[in-house]
Amino acid sequence: MTSEPQLRAQPPLITPIAGPPGQHPHFTPTAPPPRSRKDSPVAPHAPLRVVNETDGVDLEAAEEAARRFLHALGIRTDTESTQGTPGRMARAYAELFSPRAFDLTTFPNDEGYDELVLARSIPFRSVCEHHLLPFVGTAHVGYLPGQRILGLSKLARVVEHFACRPQVQERLTKQIGDWLQLHLDPKGVGVVIEAEHTCMTLRGVQATGSTTVTSTLLGLLRRDQRSRSEFLALTRIAS
């Protein structure tokens, strides 16, 4: 009998793409490349490749485990409609738990931009690690730039990266903020997540329509009242 697979969250693996010798593989240098003479091009800033190790997905074992799970709940898998259900379950959860790799691309903040950059209403889906039921919602992610700015699509990529494993919303919010603070080295980071949890709306208390809001504020967005108020106002949480 095939043993059931062990699903567990893995920390993201971050590897440099053609970075300079001695560069720490888990850190993006934040200082801009040195200015050079007009006849000497500026050396490009090496992006980081962000991937997630799944530690050996075994779809056959997952399918057999899904079949036994359904049988234990009195659900047949021998009809024309349900005979493929265990395999579909296994592939669906494998997809839910597999974030896409991406390049963390940053650019020099040549103009010295020092106002808030905010990506609002980034859609995401995740799975509650307590019941393995989905929770879906939107993330509002912003930062006050330091010496480098981030490609705007990468804010959504970071949200997806941490959402694609069994999660709790509180941890997800903190992971996104801490990761951006570490790898971008901005003056401040803010993350607000609003989500509906089906483990609360479809079972148990069945609080249909309820949402959960979590936030994390770092740097100036935590210490400075005006910056904090601006961020929360732009996310429309304060209204």
Protein backbone atom coordinates (compact mmCIF):
# COMPACT_ATOMS: atom_id res chain seq x y z
CA MET A 1 0.00 0.00 0.00
CA THR A 2 1.37 3.38 -0.95
CA SER A 3 1.98 5.68 1.99
CA GLU A 4 0.23 9.03 2.11
CA PRO A 5 2.35 12.01 1.01
CA GLN A 6 3.49 14.49 3.58
CA LEU A 7 2.54 18.04 2.59
CA ARG A 8 4.50 20.71 4.37
CA ALA A 9 5.40 24.29 3.69
CA GLN A 10 8.90 24.86 2.36
CA PRO A 11 10.79 28.14 2.66
CA PRO A 12 11.36 29.90 -0.65
CA LEU A 13 14.65 29.14 -2.35
CA ILE A 14 16.25 32.26 -3.83
CA THR A 15 19.18 31.97 -6.19
CA PRO A 16 21.09 34.76 -7.92
CA ILE A 17 21.14 35.09 -11.71
CA ALA A 18 24.68 35.79 -12.76
CA GLY A 19 25.36 37.82 -9.65
CA PRO A 20 28.80 39.15 -8.80
CA PRO A 21 31.27 36.84 -7.00
CA GLY A 22 30.72 36.68 -3.28
CA GLN A 23 27.12 37.91 -3.45
CA HIS A 24 24.96 36.37 -0.74
CA PRO A 25 22.42 34.07 -2.48
CA HIS A 26 19.55 35.22 -0.25
CA PHE A 27 20.03 38.97 -0.48
CA THR A 28 19.59 41.56 -3.20
CA PRO A 29 22.22 44.33 -2.95
CA THR A 30 20.39 47.60 -2.44
CA ALA A 31 23.09 50.10 -3.38
CA PRO A 32 22.74 51.35 -6.97
CA PRO A 33 25.50 50.44 -9.45
CA PRO A 34 28.31 52.97 -9.50
CA ARG A 35 28.16 55.85 -11.94
CA SER A 36 30.66 55.49 -14.75
CA ARG A 37 31.99 57.69 -17.49
CA LYS A 38 29.91 58.14 -20.63
CA ASP A 39 32.22 55.84 -22.59
CA SER A 40 31.83 53.07 -19.96
CA PRO A 41 28.38 51.45 -19.52
CA VAL A 42 26.91 50.96 -16.06
CA ALA A 43 27.10 47.34 -14.91
CA PRO A 44 23.59 45.83 -14.75
CA HIS A 45 22.10 44.97 -11.39
CA ALA A 46 21.69 41.19 -11.22
CA PRO A 47 18.11 40.06 -10.46
CA LEU A 48 17.37 37.12 -8.19
CA ARG A 49 15.59 33.98 -9.30
CA VAL A 50 12.86 33.13 -6.79
CA VAL A 51 11.64 29.53 -6.78
CA ASN A 52 9.95 27.21 -4.30
CA GLU A 53 11.08 23.67 -3.59
CA THR A 54 8.15 21.25 -3.40
CA ASP A 55 10.28 18.45 -1.93
CA GLY A 56 9.14 15.72 -4.34
CA VAL A 57 5.47 15.81 -5.35
CA ASP A 58 4.15 12.24 -5.78
CA LEU A 59 0.89 12.52 -7.71
CA GLU A 60 0.27 8.76 -7.73
CA ALA A 61 0.53 8.57 -3.95
CA ALA A 62 -1.64 11.68 -3.60
CA GLU A 63 -4.29 10.17 -5.88
CA GLU A 64 -4.41 6.94 -3.89
CA ALA A 65 -4.62 8.91 -0.64
CA ALA A 66 -7.50 11.00 -2.08
CA ARG A 67 -9.32 7.81 -3.09
CA ARG A 68 -9.01 6.38 0.42
CA PHE A 69 -10.06 9.72 1.91
CA LEU A 70 -13.25 9.82 -0.19
CA HIS A 71 -14.06 6.19 0.59
CA ALA A 72 -13.64 6.88 4.31
CA LEU A 73 -16.28 9.61 4.00
CA GLY A 74 -18.68 7.27 2.20
CA ILE A 75 -18.15 8.80 -1.26
CA ARG A 76 -18.00 6.37 -4.16
CA THR A 77 -15.30 6.67 -6.80
CA ASP A 78 -16.47 3.87 -9.10
CA THR A 79 -19.08 5.76 -11.16
CA GLU A 80 -18.47 7.30 -14.55
CA SER A 81 -18.56 10.77 -13.01
CA THR A 82 -16.34 10.09 -9.98
CA GLN A 83 -13.79 7.53 -11.10
CA GLY A 84 -11.38 10.32 -12.09
CA THR A 85 -12.08 12.45 -9.03
CA PRO A 86 -9.12 11.26 -6.88
CA GLY A 87 -6.67 12.11 -9.67
CA ARG A 88 -8.27 15.49 -10.24
CA MET A 89 -8.10 16.20 -6.51
CA ALA A 90 -4.39 15.34 -6.44
CA ARG A 91 -3.59 17.52 -9.44
CA ALA A 92 -5.71 20.40 -8.13
CA TYR A 93 -3.94 20.51 -4.77
CA ALA A 94 -0.55 20.14 -6.43
CA GLU A 95 -1.39 23.21 -8.53
CA LEU A 96 -2.64 25.15 -5.49
CA PHE A 97 0.61 24.43 -3.65
CA SER A 98 3.02 25.26 -6.50
CA PRO A 99 3.93 28.97 -6.88
CA ARG A 100 5.50 30.03 -10.15
CA ALA A 101 9.16 30.98 -10.25
CA PHE A 102 9.97 34.62 -11.04
CA ASP A 103 12.85 37.08 -11.28
CA LEU A 104 13.00 39.77 -8.61
CA THR A 105 13.83 42.72 -10.88
CA THR A 106 14.83 46.06 -9.37
CA PHE A 107 15.99 49.33 -10.91
CA PRO A 108 18.05 52.26 -9.62
CA ASN A 109 15.98 55.06 -8.11
CA ASP A 110 17.74 57.66 -10.24
CA GLU A 111 15.20 60.42 -9.64
CA GLY A 112 15.25 59.95 -5.88
CA TYR A 113 11.51 59.21 -5.74
CA ASP A 114 10.53 59.19 -2.08
CA GLU A 115 6.73 58.94 -2.12
CA LEU A 116 4.57 55.88 -1.58
CA VAL A 117 4.36 53.18 -4.25
CA LEU A 118 1.20 51.12 -3.77
CA ALA A 119 -0.24 48.16 -5.69
CA ARG A 120 -3.86 47.95 -4.58
CA SER A 121 -6.32 45.07 -4.76
CA ILE A 122 -3.91 42.32 -5.84
CA PRO A 123 -6.11 39.22 -6.09
CA PHE A 124 -4.84 36.04 -4.45
CA ARG A 125 -6.01 32.63 -3.33
CA SER A 126 -4.56 30.42 -0.66
CA VAL A 127 -5.49 27.39 1.44
CA CYS A 128 -6.09 27.45 5.18
CA GLU A 129 -3.60 25.09 6.79
CA HIS A 130 -6.09 24.14 9.53
CA HIS A 131 -8.82 22.74 7.26
CA LEU A 132 -7.22 22.77 3.78
CA LEU A 133 -10.11 24.89 2.58
CA PRO A 134 -9.52 27.91 0.32
CA PHE A 135 -9.44 31.52 1.38
CA VAL A 136 -9.47 34.23 -1.26
CA GLY A 137 -9.15 37.97 -1.23
CA THR A 138 -7.02 40.96 -2.14
CA ALA A 139 -3.69 42.27 -0.93
CA HIS A 140 -2.65 45.93 -0.84
CA VAL A 141 1.15 46.17 -0.88
CA GLY A 142 3.14 49.40 -0.77
CA TYR A 143 6.61 50.68 0.02
CA LEU A 144 8.61 53.90 0.38
CA PRO A 145 11.57 53.51 -2.02
CA GLY A 146 15.15 53.61 -0.94
CA GLN A 147 17.95 53.45 -3.48
CA ARG A 148 16.15 50.93 -5.70
CA ILE A 149 12.62 50.55 -7.04
CA LEU A 150 10.84 47.29 -7.79
CA GLY A 151 9.19 46.23 -11.03
CA LEU A 152 5.48 46.72 -10.25
CA SER A 153 4.42 43.22 -11.31
CA LYS A 154 6.82 41.77 -8.74
CA LEU A 155 4.62 42.94 -5.87
CA ALA A 156 1.89 40.62 -7.17
CA ARG A 157 4.46 37.87 -7.71
CA VAL A 158 5.61 38.06 -4.09
CA VAL A 159 2.00 37.83 -2.87
CA GLU A 160 1.41 34.76 -5.03
CA HIS A 161 4.67 33.17 -3.91
CA PHE A 162 3.77 33.14 -0.23
CA ALA A 163 0.06 32.45 -0.78
CA CYS A 164 0.66 29.20 -2.70
CA ARG A 165 1.27 27.01 0.35
CA PRO A 166 -0.99 26.02 3.27
CA GLN A 167 -1.20 29.29 5.19
CA VAL A 168 -2.79 31.40 7.90
CA GLN A 169 -3.57 34.97 6.92
CA GLU A 170 -1.58 36.51 9.76
CA ARG A 171 1.61 34.72 8.72
CA LEU A 172 1.04 35.45 5.04
CA THR A 173 0.77 39.19 5.74
CA LYS A 174 3.96 39.22 7.80
CA GLN A 175 5.94 37.10 5.33
CA ILE A 176 5.21 39.44 2.43
CA GLY A 177 6.21 42.54 4.41
CA ASP A 178 9.35 41.06 5.95
CA TRP A 179 10.52 39.63 2.60
CA LEU A 180 10.17 42.96 0.81
CA GLN A 181 11.93 44.78 3.64
CA LEU A 182 14.85 42.35 3.48
CA HIS A 183 15.33 42.13 -0.28
CA LEU A 184 14.38 45.66 -1.37
CA ASP A 185 15.69 47.62 1.66
CA PRO A 186 13.06 50.38 1.34
CA LYS A 187 12.36 53.13 3.86
CA GLY A 188 9.09 51.47 4.77
CA VAL A 189 6.74 48.63 3.79
CA GLY A 190 3.01 48.20 4.28
CA VAL A 191 0.81 45.17 3.61
CA VAL A 192 -2.94 44.90 4.17
CA ILE A 193 -4.83 41.73 3.29
CA GLU A 194 -8.62 41.31 3.12
CA ALA A 195 -9.88 37.77 2.63
CA GLU A 196 -12.91 35.52 2.93
CA HIS A 197 -12.20 32.18 4.56
CA THR A 198 -14.40 29.30 3.47
CA CYS A 199 -13.48 27.43 6.63
CA MET A 200 -15.56 30.11 8.40
CA THR A 201 -18.23 30.86 5.78
CA LEU A 202 -19.05 27.34 4.55
CA ARG A 203 -18.68 25.35 7.77
CA GLY A 204 -18.68 25.85 11.52
CA VAL A 205 -20.20 29.25 12.28
CA GLN A 206 -21.16 29.70 8.58
CA ALA A 207 -20.64 33.46 8.74
CA THR A 208 -21.47 34.07 5.09
CA GLY A 209 -20.00 37.27 3.68
CA SER A 210 -17.60 37.95 6.54
CA THR A 211 -14.04 39.00 5.76
CA THR A 212 -10.82 39.12 7.76
CA VAL A 213 -8.37 42.05 7.59
CA THR A 214 -4.71 41.81 8.64
CA SER A 215 -1.88 44.30 8.27
CA THR A 216 1.82 44.73 8.82
CA LEU A 217 3.68 48.06 8.75
CA LEU A 218 7.47 48.37 8.79
CA GLY A 219 9.95 51.24 8.84
CA LEU A 220 8.54 54.75 8.31
CA LEU A 221 5.07 53.38 7.59
CA ARG A 222 5.05 52.15 11.19
CA ARG A 223 6.90 54.96 12.92
CA ASP A 224 5.58 58.04 11.12
CA GLN A 225 1.91 58.85 11.74
CA ARG A 226 1.40 60.80 8.50
CA SER A 227 2.98 58.08 6.35
CA ARG A 228 0.93 55.41 8.09
CA SER A 229 -2.29 57.37 7.65
CA GLU A 230 -1.55 57.99 3.96
CA PHE A 231 -0.94 54.30 3.32
CA LEU A 232 -4.12 53.18 5.10
CA ALA A 233 -6.16 55.87 3.37
CA LEU A 234 -4.92 54.82 -0.06
CA THR A 235 -5.75 51.19 0.66
CA ARG A 236 -9.24 52.47 1.60
CA ILE A 237 -9.07 50.57 4.88
CA ALA A 238 -9.51 53.80 6.84
CA SER A 239 -12.69 54.84 5.01
